[in-house]
Amino acid sequence: MDLETFKVAGAKNLEKSYALYDSSVAALDGLLASRIDKFSRQRMLSHGLVVGSLLVVMFVVIAISRSITRLLSNLAQIAQRISEGATDAKVELEGEDEVGQLAQAIRLLLASTQSGSTRSHQQSRAA
């Protein structure tokens, strides 16, 4: 093989390599674009799930806090009535948690107030 034939064969092979590169680059660009699209969809789905989860948690926290606030407000009203001298107040809250313990303490306070009121009323009648 002479030098000129070698150069022509080398040029043909180089052109074929460039053609293969050009066709594979287009295919690889297509694969990369599809993977990027898939990743973007998954990321958007993940963001949506996170936002949805945060909204659910937020609503649950608001509901729980409103429930506790409502119970404490009722107990505060009962305590206010007791401080004004009402002995007919009723605490109808049961529970083992801290709010239930507070309700039990108010019940005991009310019972001791009622028994003290009854004793003083009986002593005033006796006198």
Protein backbone atom coordinates (compact mmCIF):
# COMPACT_ATOMS: atom_id res chain seq x y z
CA MET A 1 0.00 0.00 0.00
CA ASP A 2 1.45 3.30 -0.98
CA LEU A 3 1.23 6.53 0.95
CA GLU A 4 -1.50 8.07 -1.19
CA THR A 5 -3.78 5.03 -0.85
CA PHE A 6 -3.13 5.03 2.87
CA LYS A 7 -4.14 8.73 3.13
CA VAL A 8 -7.34 8.14 1.15
CA ALA A 9 -8.27 5.10 3.25
CA GLY A 10 -7.47 7.03 6.43
CA ALA A 11 -9.59 9.98 5.29
CA LYS A 12 -12.53 7.66 4.49
CA ASN A 13 -12.25 6.02 7.89
CA LEU A 14 -12.01 9.42 9.56
CA GLU A 15 -15.16 10.56 7.73
CA LYS A 16 -16.98 7.38 8.79
CA SER A 17 -15.88 7.99 12.40
CA TYR A 18 -17.20 11.56 12.25
CA ALA A 19 -20.49 10.32 10.76
CA LEU A 20 -20.79 7.72 13.52
CA TYR A 21 -20.01 10.39 16.11
CA ASP A 22 -22.60 12.76 14.64
CA SER A 23 -25.31 10.07 14.63
CA SER A 24 -24.46 8.86 18.13
CA VAL A 25 -24.38 12.41 19.52
CA ALA A 26 -27.94 12.97 18.32
CA ALA A 27 -29.07 9.69 19.88
CA LEU A 28 -27.24 10.42 23.13
CA ASP A 29 -28.67 13.97 23.22
CA GLY A 30 -32.14 12.47 22.83
CA LEU A 31 -31.52 10.01 25.67
CA LEU A 32 -30.13 12.75 27.89
CA ALA A 33 -33.10 15.02 27.13
CA SER A 34 -35.57 12.22 27.99
CA ARG A 35 -33.75 11.49 31.26
CA ILE A 36 -33.75 15.18 32.16
CA ASP A 37 -37.50 15.35 31.44
CA LYS A 38 -38.12 12.26 33.57
CA PHE A 39 -36.05 13.72 36.40
CA SER A 40 -37.92 17.03 36.16
CA ARG A 41 -41.29 15.26 36.34
CA GLN A 42 -40.15 13.24 39.35
CA ARG A 43 -38.86 16.38 41.03
CA MET A 44 -42.15 18.19 40.44
CA LEU A 45 -44.05 15.19 41.79
CA SER A 46 -41.80 15.14 44.86
CA HIS A 47 -42.32 18.86 45.42
CA GLY A 48 -46.08 18.38 45.07
CA LEU A 49 -46.07 15.56 47.60
CA VAL A 50 -44.01 17.61 50.04
CA VAL A 51 -46.31 20.62 49.72
CA GLY A 52 -49.39 18.38 50.07
CA SER A 53 -47.94 16.69 53.14
CA LEU A 54 -47.13 20.05 54.70
CA LEU A 55 -50.68 21.24 54.10
CA VAL A 56 -52.12 18.10 55.72
CA VAL A 57 -49.80 18.46 58.71
CA MET A 58 -50.68 22.15 59.00
CA PHE A 59 -54.42 21.39 59.05
CA VAL A 60 -53.94 18.63 61.64
CA VAL A 61 -51.88 20.94 63.87
CA ILE A 62 -54.49 23.69 63.56
CA ALA A 63 -57.29 21.26 64.41
CA ILE A 64 -55.45 19.91 67.45
CA SER A 65 -54.52 23.38 68.69
CA ARG A 66 -58.11 24.61 68.28
CA SER A 67 -59.38 21.59 70.18
CA ILE A 68 -56.97 22.16 73.05
CA THR A 69 -57.64 25.90 73.04
CA ARG A 70 -61.39 25.29 73.17
CA LEU A 71 -61.00 22.92 76.14
CA LEU A 72 -58.75 25.33 78.00
CA SER A 73 -61.13 28.20 77.27
CA ASN A 74 -64.03 26.20 78.75
CA LEU A 75 -61.97 25.40 81.84
CA ALA A 76 -61.00 29.07 82.16
CA GLN A 77 -64.67 30.08 82.02
CA ILE A 78 -65.51 27.54 84.71
CA ALA A 79 -62.63 28.79 86.88
CA GLN A 80 -63.88 32.36 86.36
CA ARG A 81 -67.38 31.33 87.46
CA ILE A 82 -65.95 29.61 90.54
CA SER A 83 -63.94 32.73 91.41
CA GLU A 84 -67.17 34.74 91.19
CA GLY A 85 -68.75 32.39 93.75
CA ALA A 86 -70.75 30.06 91.52
CA THR A 87 -70.76 26.63 93.10
CA ASP A 88 -73.08 25.04 90.54
CA ALA A 89 -70.44 24.91 87.80
CA LYS A 90 -69.84 21.51 86.30
CA VAL A 91 -66.64 20.22 84.74
CA GLU A 92 -67.59 17.52 82.25
CA LEU A 93 -64.16 16.85 80.82
CA GLU A 94 -62.48 13.48 81.27
CA GLY A 95 -59.00 12.53 80.24
CA GLU A 96 -55.61 11.33 81.32
CA ASP A 97 -53.62 14.09 79.64
CA GLU A 98 -52.62 17.43 81.12
CA VAL A 99 -55.93 19.06 80.24
CA GLY A 100 -57.77 16.20 81.95
CA GLN A 101 -55.57 16.66 85.02
CA LEU A 102 -56.40 20.37 85.03
CA ALA A 103 -60.11 19.53 84.79
CA GLN A 104 -59.74 17.13 87.72
CA ALA A 105 -57.97 19.82 89.75
CA ILE A 106 -60.80 22.29 89.01
CA ARG A 107 -63.33 19.58 90.03
CA LEU A 108 -61.50 19.13 93.34
CA LEU A 109 -61.39 22.90 93.84
CA LEU A 110 -65.09 23.13 93.11
CA ALA A 111 -65.84 20.26 95.54
CA SER A 112 -63.78 21.86 98.30
CA THR A 113 -65.46 25.22 97.61
CA GLN A 114 -68.89 23.59 97.74
CA SER A 115 -68.11 21.74 100.96
CA GLY A 116 -66.65 24.90 102.53
CA SER A 117 -69.68 26.86 101.41
CA THR A 118 -72.01 24.20 102.84
CA ARG A 119 -70.14 24.18 106.17
CA SER A 120 -70.21 27.96 106.50
CA HIS A 121 -73.88 28.00 105.52
CA GLN A 122 -74.65 25.36 108.19
CA GLN A 123 -72.63 27.26 110.79
CA SER A 124 -74.49 30.45 110.03
CA ARG A 125 -77.83 28.63 110.44
CA ALA A 126 -76.70 27.11 113.72
CA ALA A 127 -75.72 30.50 115.11
